[in-house]
Amino acid sequence: MDIYVGNLSFDAADSDVSEAFQQHGEVESVKIILDRDTGRSRGFAFVTMPNDDEARAAIESLNGADLLGRELKVREATPRPERPRHGGGGGGGGRGGFQKGPPRHDRNRNFRRDR
């Protein structure tokens, strides 16, 4: 079972989360989600536990529990909703369509004829 762990301390490491969940059973993996720009924790993680009964016990026990000074929000992870891919159909980008007025490269140009 995949488990969402929210309100995670920004200082928490994979090992901190793993230790908390191992008290309830086998932990297959822990993935703390990082900000792609800064590389810092975004404050949530996903834990995978192979045994559903152990996973439910961990959720029950750890939801609201304190870990490194933060009250955890723990629940079963839900699948991520499908999002349209870039480059396919639908919105986004480009300057298509009719543009009223002169071409962009001629706009706001100061032509001085007295030279």
N, C-alpha and C. Protein backbone atom coordinates (compact mmCIF):
# COMPACT_ATOMS: atom_id res chain seq x y z
N MET A 1 0.85 -1.18 0.00
CA MET A 1 0.00 0.00 0.00
C MET A 1 0.90 1.24 0.00
N ASP A 2 0.50 2.24 -0.79
CA ASP A 2 1.20 3.52 -0.80
C ASP A 2 0.52 4.45 0.19
N ILE A 3 1.33 5.14 0.99
CA ILE A 3 0.84 5.99 2.06
C ILE A 3 1.38 7.40 1.86
N TYR A 4 0.49 8.38 1.97
CA TYR A 4 0.87 9.79 1.91
C TYR A 4 1.19 10.26 3.32
N VAL A 5 2.30 10.97 3.48
CA VAL A 5 2.69 11.54 4.76
C VAL A 5 2.86 13.04 4.56
N GLY A 6 1.95 13.83 5.12
CA GLY A 6 1.99 15.28 4.97
C GLY A 6 2.39 15.97 6.25
N ASN A 7 2.62 17.29 6.15
CA ASN A 7 3.05 18.13 7.26
C ASN A 7 4.36 17.63 7.85
N LEU A 8 5.22 17.15 6.98
CA LEU A 8 6.50 16.59 7.38
C LEU A 8 7.50 17.71 7.63
N SER A 9 8.29 17.58 8.65
CA SER A 9 9.34 18.56 8.93
C SER A 9 10.29 18.65 7.74
N PHE A 10 10.70 19.87 7.41
CA PHE A 10 11.64 20.06 6.30
C PHE A 10 13.01 19.46 6.61
N ASP A 11 13.25 19.17 7.89
CA ASP A 11 14.52 18.57 8.30
C ASP A 11 14.47 17.05 8.32
N ALA A 12 13.31 16.45 8.09
CA ALA A 12 13.17 14.99 8.15
C ALA A 12 13.92 14.33 7.00
N ALA A 13 14.56 13.23 7.33
CA ALA A 13 15.26 12.41 6.33
C ALA A 13 14.47 11.13 6.09
N ASP A 14 14.80 10.44 5.01
CA ASP A 14 14.14 9.16 4.71
C ASP A 14 14.20 8.23 5.91
N SER A 15 15.36 8.21 6.59
CA SER A 15 15.55 7.30 7.72
C SER A 15 14.60 7.64 8.88
N ASP A 16 14.32 8.93 9.11
CA ASP A 16 13.40 9.33 10.19
C ASP A 16 12.00 8.79 9.91
N VAL A 17 11.55 8.94 8.67
CA VAL A 17 10.22 8.48 8.29
C VAL A 17 10.17 6.96 8.33
N SER A 18 11.19 6.32 7.80
CA SER A 18 11.24 4.86 7.78
C SER A 18 11.17 4.27 9.18
N GLU A 19 11.94 4.85 10.11
CA GLU A 19 11.94 4.35 11.49
C GLU A 19 10.55 4.44 12.12
N ALA A 20 9.85 5.53 11.88
CA ALA A 20 8.51 5.70 12.45
C ALA A 20 7.57 4.62 11.92
N PHE A 21 7.64 4.33 10.62
CA PHE A 21 6.73 3.34 10.01
C PHE A 21 7.16 1.90 10.30
N GLN A 22 8.45 1.65 10.49
CA GLN A 22 8.92 0.29 10.76
C GLN A 22 8.42 -0.24 12.09
N GLN A 23 7.97 0.63 12.97
CA GLN A 23 7.39 0.18 14.24
C GLN A 23 6.10 -0.59 14.02
N HIS A 24 5.53 -0.47 12.80
CA HIS A 24 4.25 -1.10 12.50
C HIS A 24 4.36 -2.20 11.45
N GLY A 25 5.55 -2.38 10.88
CA GLY A 25 5.73 -3.44 9.89
C GLY A 25 6.83 -3.12 8.91
N GLU A 26 6.89 -3.94 7.87
CA GLU A 26 7.94 -3.81 6.87
C GLU A 26 7.70 -2.58 5.98
N VAL A 27 8.76 -1.81 5.77
CA VAL A 27 8.71 -0.65 4.90
C VAL A 27 9.52 -0.97 3.65
N GLU A 28 8.85 -0.91 2.51
CA GLU A 28 9.51 -1.20 1.24
C GLU A 28 10.31 0.00 0.74
N SER A 29 9.71 1.21 0.83
CA SER A 29 10.42 2.40 0.37
C SER A 29 9.84 3.66 1.00
N VAL A 30 10.68 4.69 1.06
CA VAL A 30 10.29 6.01 1.52
C VAL A 30 10.82 7.01 0.49
N LYS A 31 9.96 7.92 0.06
CA LYS A 31 10.38 8.93 -0.92
C LYS A 31 9.89 10.29 -0.43
N ILE A 32 10.83 11.11 0.06
CA ILE A 32 10.51 12.48 0.43
C ILE A 32 10.54 13.30 -0.85
N ILE A 33 9.49 14.05 -1.09
CA ILE A 33 9.37 14.82 -2.33
C ILE A 33 10.14 16.14 -2.18
N LEU A 34 11.00 16.40 -3.17
CA LEU A 34 11.86 17.58 -3.15
C LEU A 34 11.41 18.60 -4.17
N ASP A 35 11.64 19.86 -3.85
CA ASP A 35 11.39 20.95 -4.79
C ASP A 35 12.43 20.86 -5.91
N ARG A 36 11.99 20.88 -7.16
CA ARG A 36 12.95 20.69 -8.26
C ARG A 36 13.87 21.87 -8.45
N ASP A 37 13.48 23.06 -7.98
CA ASP A 37 14.34 24.23 -8.13
C ASP A 37 15.37 24.35 -7.02
N THR A 38 14.94 24.12 -5.78
CA THR A 38 15.84 24.33 -4.64
C THR A 38 16.45 23.04 -4.11
N GLY A 39 15.83 21.90 -4.41
CA GLY A 39 16.32 20.63 -3.88
C GLY A 39 15.94 20.38 -2.43
N ARG A 40 15.16 21.29 -1.84
CA ARG A 40 14.72 21.13 -0.46
C ARG A 40 13.41 20.34 -0.41
N SER A 41 13.16 19.77 0.76
CA SER A 41 11.92 19.02 0.97
C SER A 41 10.71 19.93 0.78
N ARG A 42 9.65 19.35 0.18
CA ARG A 42 8.41 20.09 0.02
C ARG A 42 7.45 19.84 1.20
N GLY A 43 7.89 19.03 2.17
CA GLY A 43 7.09 18.81 3.37
C GLY A 43 6.14 17.63 3.31
N PHE A 44 6.33 16.76 2.31
CA PHE A 44 5.53 15.54 2.29
C PHE A 44 6.33 14.40 1.67
N ALA A 45 5.83 13.19 1.91
CA ALA A 45 6.54 12.00 1.45
C ALA A 45 5.54 10.90 1.13
N PHE A 46 6.04 9.86 0.48
CA PHE A 46 5.26 8.67 0.21
C PHE A 46 6.01 7.47 0.77
N VAL A 47 5.28 6.63 1.47
CA VAL A 47 5.85 5.41 2.06
C VAL A 47 5.12 4.24 1.43
N THR A 48 5.87 3.21 1.05
CA THR A 48 5.27 1.99 0.52
C THR A 48 5.49 0.87 1.52
N MET A 49 4.37 0.24 1.91
CA MET A 49 4.43 -0.92 2.81
C MET A 49 3.74 -2.08 2.10
N PRO A 50 4.41 -3.24 1.98
CA PRO A 50 3.84 -4.35 1.22
C PRO A 50 2.63 -5.02 1.87
N ASN A 51 2.50 -4.94 3.19
CA ASN A 51 1.40 -5.60 3.89
C ASN A 51 0.31 -4.56 4.21
N ASP A 52 -0.87 -4.72 3.62
CA ASP A 52 -1.95 -3.74 3.80
C ASP A 52 -2.40 -3.60 5.25
N ASP A 53 -2.44 -4.70 6.00
CA ASP A 53 -2.86 -4.64 7.40
C ASP A 53 -1.87 -3.82 8.22
N GLU A 54 -0.57 -4.04 7.99
CA GLU A 54 0.47 -3.27 8.68
C GLU A 54 0.39 -1.80 8.27
N ALA A 55 0.12 -1.55 7.00
CA ALA A 55 0.01 -0.18 6.51
C ALA A 55 -1.15 0.55 7.18
N ARG A 56 -2.29 -0.13 7.29
CA ARG A 56 -3.45 0.48 7.95
C ARG A 56 -3.17 0.78 9.42
N ALA A 57 -2.46 -0.14 10.07
CA ALA A 57 -2.09 0.08 11.47
C ALA A 57 -1.16 1.28 11.60
N ALA A 58 -0.23 1.43 10.67
CA ALA A 58 0.69 2.58 10.68
C ALA A 58 -0.08 3.88 10.47
N ILE A 59 -1.02 3.87 9.52
CA ILE A 59 -1.82 5.08 9.26
C ILE A 59 -2.59 5.46 10.51
N GLU A 60 -3.25 4.49 11.12
CA GLU A 60 -4.05 4.73 12.32
C GLU A 60 -3.20 5.30 13.45
N SER A 61 -2.02 4.74 13.62
CA SER A 61 -1.16 5.14 14.73
C SER A 61 -0.43 6.46 14.49
N LEU A 62 0.01 6.69 13.26
CA LEU A 62 0.88 7.84 12.99
C LEU A 62 0.13 9.10 12.55
N ASN A 63 -1.13 8.98 12.14
CA ASN A 63 -1.88 10.18 11.77
C ASN A 63 -2.08 11.04 13.02
N GLY A 64 -1.54 12.24 13.01
CA GLY A 64 -1.61 13.13 14.17
C GLY A 64 -0.44 12.99 15.12
N ALA A 65 0.43 12.01 14.88
CA ALA A 65 1.60 11.81 15.74
C ALA A 65 2.65 12.87 15.46
N ASP A 66 3.49 13.14 16.44
CA ASP A 66 4.56 14.13 16.32
C ASP A 66 5.83 13.48 15.78
N LEU A 67 6.40 14.09 14.75
CA LEU A 67 7.70 13.65 14.23
C LEU A 67 8.53 14.91 13.99
N LEU A 68 9.59 15.05 14.75
CA LEU A 68 10.50 16.20 14.66
C LEU A 68 9.75 17.53 14.82
N GLY A 69 8.78 17.53 15.76
CA GLY A 69 8.08 18.76 16.09
C GLY A 69 6.90 19.11 15.19
N ARG A 70 6.53 18.22 14.29
CA ARG A 70 5.38 18.47 13.40
C ARG A 70 4.35 17.36 13.55
N GLU A 71 3.06 17.74 13.53
CA GLU A 71 1.97 16.77 13.63
C GLU A 71 1.70 16.19 12.24
N LEU A 72 2.00 14.92 12.06
CA LEU A 72 1.89 14.28 10.75
C LEU A 72 0.43 14.14 10.30
N LYS A 73 0.24 14.25 9.01
CA LYS A 73 -1.05 13.94 8.36
C LYS A 73 -0.78 12.70 7.52
N VAL A 74 -1.36 11.59 7.91
CA VAL A 74 -1.06 10.31 7.27
C VAL A 74 -2.35 9.68 6.76
N ARG A 75 -2.34 9.28 5.50
CA ARG A 75 -3.51 8.61 4.91
C ARG A 75 -3.05 7.76 3.74
N GLU A 76 -3.95 6.91 3.27
CA GLU A 76 -3.64 6.12 2.08
C GLU A 76 -3.49 7.07 0.90
N ALA A 77 -2.46 6.86 0.11
CA ALA A 77 -2.22 7.71 -1.06
C ALA A 77 -3.27 7.43 -2.12
N THR A 78 -3.69 8.48 -2.79
CA THR A 78 -4.64 8.32 -3.90
C THR A 78 -3.88 8.53 -5.21
N PRO A 79 -4.32 7.87 -6.28
CA PRO A 79 -3.63 8.03 -7.55
C PRO A 79 -3.66 9.48 -8.02
N ARG A 80 -2.58 9.89 -8.64
CA ARG A 80 -2.48 11.24 -9.16
C ARG A 80 -3.42 11.40 -10.36
N PRO A 81 -4.18 12.49 -10.41
CA PRO A 81 -5.09 12.66 -11.55
C PRO A 81 -4.30 12.86 -12.84
N GLU A 82 -4.89 12.40 -13.94
CA GLU A 82 -4.25 12.56 -15.25
C GLU A 82 -4.22 14.03 -15.61
N ARG A 83 -3.07 14.48 -16.07
CA ARG A 83 -2.93 15.86 -16.54
C ARG A 83 -2.53 15.82 -18.00
N PRO A 84 -3.06 16.74 -18.79
CA PRO A 84 -2.70 16.72 -20.22
C PRO A 84 -1.21 17.01 -20.39
N ARG A 85 -0.62 16.36 -21.37
CA ARG A 85 0.79 16.56 -21.69
C ARG A 85 0.96 17.79 -22.56
N HIS A 86 2.10 18.44 -22.43
CA HIS A 86 2.39 19.58 -23.31
C HIS A 86 2.64 19.06 -24.72
N GLY A 87 2.30 19.86 -25.70
CA GLY A 87 2.55 19.49 -27.08
C GLY A 87 1.37 18.79 -27.72
N GLY A 88 0.46 18.31 -26.91
CA GLY A 88 -0.72 17.64 -27.44
C GLY A 88 -1.81 18.67 -27.69
N GLY A 89 -3.02 18.21 -27.71
CA GLY A 89 -4.14 19.12 -27.91
C GLY A 89 -4.38 19.96 -26.67
N GLY A 90 -5.18 20.98 -26.82
CA GLY A 90 -5.54 21.79 -25.67
C GLY A 90 -4.61 22.95 -25.45
N GLY A 91 -5.04 23.89 -24.66
CA GLY A 91 -4.46 25.18 -24.35
C GLY A 91 -2.95 25.33 -24.41
N GLY A 92 -2.54 26.47 -23.98
CA GLY A 92 -1.13 26.75 -23.81
C GLY A 92 -0.46 27.40 -25.00
N GLY A 93 0.46 28.24 -24.70
CA GLY A 93 1.47 28.83 -25.55
C GLY A 93 1.11 29.32 -26.93
N GLY A 94 2.06 29.96 -27.52
CA GLY A 94 1.93 30.40 -28.90
C GLY A 94 1.22 31.73 -29.03
N ARG A 95 1.38 32.34 -30.21
CA ARG A 95 0.74 33.61 -30.50
C ARG A 95 -0.11 33.47 -31.74
N GLY A 96 -0.86 32.46 -31.83
CA GLY A 96 -1.64 32.23 -33.03
C GLY A 96 -2.70 33.28 -33.25
N GLY A 97 -3.24 33.31 -34.43
CA GLY A 97 -4.36 34.20 -34.72
C GLY A 97 -3.96 35.51 -35.35
N PHE A 98 -4.96 36.30 -35.67
CA PHE A 98 -4.78 37.58 -36.35
C PHE A 98 -4.34 38.64 -35.36
N GLN A 99 -3.34 39.40 -35.73
CA GLN A 99 -2.88 40.51 -34.91
C GLN A 99 -3.20 41.81 -35.64
N LYS A 100 -3.97 42.66 -35.03
CA LYS A 100 -4.31 43.94 -35.64
C LYS A 100 -3.11 44.88 -35.54
N GLY A 101 -2.88 45.62 -36.57
CA GLY A 101 -1.80 46.60 -36.55
C GLY A 101 -0.57 46.10 -37.28
N PRO A 102 0.49 46.91 -37.24
CA PRO A 102 1.71 46.55 -37.97
C PRO A 102 2.38 45.34 -37.33
N PRO A 103 3.25 44.66 -38.08
CA PRO A 103 3.99 43.54 -37.49
C PRO A 103 4.74 44.00 -36.25
N ARG A 104 4.94 43.10 -35.33
CA ARG A 104 5.55 43.42 -34.05
C ARG A 104 6.90 44.12 -34.20
N HIS A 105 7.70 43.70 -35.15
CA HIS A 105 9.03 44.29 -35.29
C HIS A 105 8.99 45.75 -35.71
N ASP A 106 7.85 46.24 -36.22
CA ASP A 106 7.73 47.63 -36.62
C ASP A 106 7.11 48.51 -35.53
N ARG A 107 6.51 47.90 -34.52
CA ARG A 107 5.83 48.67 -33.49
C ARG A 107 6.82 49.46 -32.66
N ASN A 108 6.38 50.61 -32.24
CA ASN A 108 7.14 51.46 -31.31
C ASN A 108 8.53 51.83 -31.82
N ARG A 109 8.71 51.82 -33.10
CA ARG A 109 9.98 52.23 -33.65
C ARG A 109 9.95 53.72 -33.92
N ASN A 110 10.96 54.40 -33.56
CA ASN A 110 11.04 55.83 -33.80
C ASN A 110 11.86 56.06 -35.06
N PHE A 111 11.20 56.42 -36.12
CA PHE A 111 11.89 56.73 -37.36
C PHE A 111 12.08 58.24 -37.43
N ARG A 112 13.27 58.66 -37.58
CA ARG A 112 13.55 60.10 -37.69
C ARG A 112 13.93 60.38 -39.14
N ARG A 113 13.16 61.21 -39.75
CA ARG A 113 13.39 61.53 -41.16
C ARG A 113 14.27 62.75 -41.34
N ASP A 114 14.58 63.41 -40.26
CA ASP A 114 15.36 64.63 -40.42
C ASP A 114 16.87 64.38 -40.43
N ARG A 115 17.29 63.17 -40.51
CA ARG A 115 18.73 62.87 -40.54
C ARG A 115 19.22 62.68 -41.93
